[in-house]
Amino acid sequence: MNNQGYSKIAMKHFFNPKYAGKIKNANGIGQVGNSSCGDIMKVYINVEKNKIKDIKFNTLGCVAAIASSDVACEIAKGKSIKEAKKITDKDILKKIGGLPQIKHHCSLLGTQALRKAINNYESKIKLRT
């Protein structure tokens, strides 16, 4: 942990996020915000054969919010929709090496935005059937 209480893993994801960006023709998009701290996260997914083939995020927020967003994407990529729905903030906290207690709410953004993107994708599928 550094002097702000962030793990080396969290700092790596903050400085070099692999999944930052936007998917132009995403078939699922989810956005959430935290009014208490001002963080906003948007997740884009492309699903093929019921698996998350590609995933990206745009996050306006602190170290914890950006690192948690990247980790959420890393965990979700390649998973089936059913598996991705089971990802929790605890999964993110574990993979990121923990966060300062005051920043735990940031790990919720990743799971909430992912679920909204999945719900958006599923609602589009239902409209086609």
C-alpha atoms as a PDB file:
ATOM      1  CA  MET A   1       0.000   0.000   0.000  1.00  0.00           C
ATOM      2  CA  ASN A   2       1.192   3.504  -0.752  1.00  0.00           C
ATOM      3  CA  ASN A   3       0.807   6.414   1.663  1.00  0.00           C
ATOM      4  CA  GLN A   4      -2.792   7.026   0.489  1.00  0.00           C
ATOM      5  CA  GLY A   5      -3.759   3.406   1.183  1.00  0.00           C
ATOM      6  CA  TYR A   6      -3.815   2.197  -2.443  1.00  0.00           C
ATOM      7  CA  SER A   7      -2.265  -1.124  -3.458  1.00  0.00           C
ATOM      8  CA  LYS A   8       0.309  -1.403  -6.241  1.00  0.00           C
ATOM      9  CA  ILE A   9      -2.367  -3.203  -8.273  1.00  0.00           C
ATOM     10  CA  ALA A  10      -4.796  -0.288  -7.864  1.00  0.00           C
ATOM     11  CA  MET A  11      -2.139   2.217  -8.902  1.00  0.00           C
ATOM     12  CA  LYS A  12      -1.205   0.115 -11.949  1.00  0.00           C
ATOM     13  CA  HIS A  13      -4.854   0.074 -13.085  1.00  0.00           C
ATOM     14  CA  PHE A  14      -5.151   3.811 -12.455  1.00  0.00           C
ATOM     15  CA  PHE A  15      -2.027   4.824 -14.396  1.00  0.00           C
ATOM     16  CA  ASN A  16      -2.389   2.251 -17.203  1.00  0.00           C
ATOM     17  CA  PRO A  17      -6.036   1.223 -17.565  1.00  0.00           C
ATOM     18  CA  LYS A  18      -6.332  -1.484 -20.254  1.00  0.00           C
ATOM     19  CA  TYR A  19     -10.056  -1.043 -20.785  1.00  0.00           C
ATOM     20  CA  ALA A  20     -10.417   2.745 -20.907  1.00  0.00           C
ATOM     21  CA  GLY A  21     -12.224   3.985 -24.001  1.00  0.00           C
ATOM     22  CA  LYS A  22     -15.451   3.675 -25.901  1.00  0.00           C
ATOM     23  CA  ILE A  23     -16.934   0.998 -28.147  1.00  0.00           C
ATOM     24  CA  LYS A  24     -18.544   2.738 -31.138  1.00  0.00           C
ATOM     25  CA  ASN A  25     -21.267   0.193 -31.852  1.00  0.00           C
ATOM     26  CA  ALA A  26     -21.685  -1.245 -28.366  1.00  0.00           C
ATOM     27  CA  ASN A  27     -24.727  -3.461 -28.004  1.00  0.00           C
ATOM     28  CA  GLY A  28     -24.996  -2.605 -24.298  1.00  0.00           C
ATOM     29  CA  ILE A  29     -24.277   0.660 -22.463  1.00  0.00           C
ATOM     30  CA  GLY A  30     -24.658   1.407 -18.768  1.00  0.00           C
ATOM     31  CA  GLN A  31     -23.978   4.599 -16.833  1.00  0.00           C
ATOM     32  CA  VAL A  32     -23.975   5.264 -13.104  1.00  0.00           C
ATOM     33  CA  GLY A  33     -22.920   8.115 -10.893  1.00  0.00           C
ATOM     34  CA  ASN A  34     -22.275   8.713  -7.242  1.00  0.00           C
ATOM     35  CA  SER A  35     -23.748  12.030  -6.179  1.00  0.00           C
ATOM     36  CA  SER A  36     -21.791  12.141  -2.900  1.00  0.00           C
ATOM     37  CA  CYS A  37     -18.379  12.167  -4.595  1.00  0.00           C
ATOM     38  CA  GLY A  38     -19.213  13.151  -8.174  1.00  0.00           C
ATOM     39  CA  ASP A  39     -17.781  10.026  -9.843  1.00  0.00           C
ATOM     40  CA  ILE A  40     -19.437   8.966 -13.119  1.00  0.00           C
ATOM     41  CA  MET A  41     -18.815   5.683 -14.909  1.00  0.00           C
ATOM     42  CA  LYS A  42     -20.010   4.506 -18.303  1.00  0.00           C
ATOM     43  CA  VAL A  43     -19.510   0.904 -19.477  1.00  0.00           C
ATOM     44  CA  TYR A  44     -19.761  -0.299 -23.082  1.00  0.00           C
ATOM     45  CA  ILE A  45     -20.100  -3.992 -23.924  1.00  0.00           C
ATOM     46  CA  ASN A  46     -20.213  -6.060 -27.077  1.00  0.00           C
ATOM     47  CA  VAL A  47     -21.798  -9.431 -26.561  1.00  0.00           C
ATOM     48  CA  GLU A  48     -21.430 -12.313 -28.993  1.00  0.00           C
ATOM     49  CA  LYS A  49     -22.809 -15.804 -28.436  1.00  0.00           C
ATOM     50  CA  ASN A  50     -23.906 -14.742 -24.933  1.00  0.00           C
ATOM     51  CA  LYS A  51     -20.332 -13.788 -23.893  1.00  0.00           C
ATOM     52  CA  ILE A  52     -18.805 -10.377 -23.286  1.00  0.00           C
ATOM     53  CA  LYS A  53     -16.406 -10.233 -26.201  1.00  0.00           C
ATOM     54  CA  ASP A  54     -15.338  -6.616 -25.707  1.00  0.00           C
ATOM     55  CA  ILE A  55     -15.750  -4.158 -22.858  1.00  0.00           C
ATOM     56  CA  LYS A  56     -14.584  -0.579 -22.285  1.00  0.00           C
ATOM     57  CA  PHE A  57     -15.245   2.167 -19.771  1.00  0.00           C
ATOM     58  CA  ASN A  58     -15.159   5.936 -19.404  1.00  0.00           C
ATOM     59  CA  THR A  59     -14.883   7.110 -15.823  1.00  0.00           C
ATOM     60  CA  LEU A  60     -14.710  10.597 -14.452  1.00  0.00           C
ATOM     61  CA  GLY A  61     -13.445  10.141 -10.941  1.00  0.00           C
ATOM     62  CA  CYS A  62     -10.717   9.438  -8.445  1.00  0.00           C
ATOM     63  CA  VAL A  63      -7.949   6.800  -8.361  1.00  0.00           C
ATOM     64  CA  ALA A  64     -10.296   4.243  -6.793  1.00  0.00           C
ATOM     65  CA  ALA A  65     -13.095   4.838  -9.310  1.00  0.00           C
ATOM     66  CA  ILE A  66     -10.822   4.523 -12.357  1.00  0.00           C
ATOM     67  CA  ALA A  67      -8.918   1.512 -11.006  1.00  0.00           C
ATOM     68  CA  SER A  68     -12.169  -0.217  -9.986  1.00  0.00           C
ATOM     69  CA  SER A  69     -13.664   0.441 -13.423  1.00  0.00           C
ATOM     70  CA  ASP A  70     -10.670  -1.148 -15.140  1.00  0.00           C
ATOM     71  CA  VAL A  71     -10.731  -4.169 -12.826  1.00  0.00           C
ATOM     72  CA  ALA A  72     -14.478  -4.649 -13.330  1.00  0.00           C
ATOM     73  CA  CYS A  73     -13.892  -4.768 -17.086  1.00  0.00           C
ATOM     74  CA  GLU A  74     -10.970  -7.152 -16.694  1.00  0.00           C
ATOM     75  CA  ILE A  75     -13.071  -9.553 -14.615  1.00  0.00           C
ATOM     76  CA  ALA A  76     -16.084  -9.363 -16.966  1.00  0.00           C
ATOM     77  CA  LYS A  77     -14.310  -9.775 -20.309  1.00  0.00           C
ATOM     78  CA  GLY A  78     -14.883 -13.250 -21.748  1.00  0.00           C
ATOM     79  CA  LYS A  79     -17.548 -14.145 -19.202  1.00  0.00           C
ATOM     80  CA  SER A  80     -21.058 -15.202 -20.101  1.00  0.00           C
ATOM     81  CA  ILE A  81     -23.848 -12.752 -19.319  1.00  0.00           C
ATOM     82  CA  LYS A  82     -24.952 -15.040 -16.476  1.00  0.00           C
ATOM     83  CA  GLU A  83     -21.421 -15.086 -14.988  1.00  0.00           C
ATOM     84  CA  ALA A  84     -20.949 -11.333 -15.422  1.00  0.00           C
ATOM     85  CA  LYS A  85     -24.171 -10.632 -13.510  1.00  0.00           C
ATOM     86  CA  LYS A  86     -22.649 -12.408 -10.491  1.00  0.00           C
ATOM     87  CA  ILE A  87     -19.611 -10.096 -10.257  1.00  0.00           C
ATOM     88  CA  THR A  88     -19.709  -8.202  -6.967  1.00  0.00           C
ATOM     89  CA  ASP A  89     -17.893  -5.246  -5.468  1.00  0.00           C
ATOM     90  CA  LYS A  90     -16.109  -7.792  -3.216  1.00  0.00           C
ATOM     91  CA  ASP A  91     -14.694  -9.469  -6.336  1.00  0.00           C
ATOM     92  CA  ILE A  92     -13.349  -6.099  -7.464  1.00  0.00           C
ATOM     93  CA  LEU A  93     -11.919  -5.249  -4.036  1.00  0.00           C
ATOM     94  CA  LYS A  94     -10.198  -8.630  -3.843  1.00  0.00           C
ATOM     95  CA  LYS A  95      -8.655  -8.390  -7.327  1.00  0.00           C
ATOM     96  CA  ILE A  96      -7.537  -4.789  -6.803  1.00  0.00           C
ATOM     97  CA  GLY A  97      -5.827  -5.606  -3.511  1.00  0.00           C
ATOM     98  CA  GLY A  98      -8.274  -3.604  -1.430  1.00  0.00           C
ATOM     99  CA  LEU A  99      -9.104   0.085  -1.268  1.00  0.00           C
ATOM    100  CA  PRO A 100      -9.109   2.578   1.594  1.00  0.00           C
ATOM    101  CA  GLN A 101     -12.362   2.138   3.543  1.00  0.00           C
ATOM    102  CA  ILE A 102     -13.558   5.614   2.546  1.00  0.00           C
ATOM    103  CA  LYS A 103     -13.230   4.576  -1.150  1.00  0.00           C
ATOM    104  CA  HIS A 104     -15.093   1.234  -1.020  1.00  0.00           C
ATOM    105  CA  HIS A 105     -18.153   2.861  -2.602  1.00  0.00           C
ATOM    106  CA  CYS A 106     -16.074   3.333  -5.779  1.00  0.00           C
ATOM    107  CA  SER A 107     -15.929  -0.432  -6.296  1.00  0.00           C
ATOM    108  CA  LEU A 108     -19.733  -0.411  -6.509  1.00  0.00           C
ATOM    109  CA  LEU A 109     -19.641   1.796  -9.611  1.00  0.00           C
ATOM    110  CA  GLY A 110     -18.050  -0.968 -11.683  1.00  0.00           C
ATOM    111  CA  THR A 111     -20.621  -3.611 -10.825  1.00  0.00           C
ATOM    112  CA  GLN A 112     -23.557  -1.193 -11.115  1.00  0.00           C
ATOM    113  CA  ALA A 113     -22.500   0.147 -14.525  1.00  0.00           C
ATOM    114  CA  LEU A 114     -21.790  -3.381 -15.775  1.00  0.00           C
ATOM    115  CA  ARG A 115     -25.263  -4.541 -14.690  1.00  0.00           C
ATOM    116  CA  LYS A 116     -26.871  -1.543 -16.395  1.00  0.00           C
ATOM    117  CA  ALA A 117     -24.961  -2.317 -19.614  1.00  0.00           C
ATOM    118  CA  ILE A 118     -26.110  -5.955 -19.418  1.00  0.00           C
ATOM    119  CA  ASN A 119     -29.711  -4.855 -18.769  1.00  0.00           C
ATOM    120  CA  ASN A 120     -29.476  -2.501 -21.749  1.00  0.00           C
ATOM    121  CA  TYR A 121     -28.186  -5.344 -23.937  1.00  0.00           C
ATOM    122  CA  GLU A 122     -30.906  -7.742 -22.729  1.00  0.00           C
ATOM    123  CA  SER A 123     -33.664  -5.177 -23.318  1.00  0.00           C
ATOM    124  CA  LYS A 124     -32.496  -4.790 -26.932  1.00  0.00           C
ATOM    125  CA  ILE A 125     -32.525  -8.582 -27.394  1.00  0.00           C
ATOM    126  CA  LYS A 126     -36.098  -8.761 -26.026  1.00  0.00           C
ATOM    127  CA  LEU A 127     -37.222  -6.097 -28.489  1.00  0.00           C
ATOM    128  CA  ARG A 128     -35.954  -8.231 -31.378  1.00  0.00           C
ATOM    129  CA  THR A 129     -37.888 -11.322 -30.305  1.00  0.00           C
END
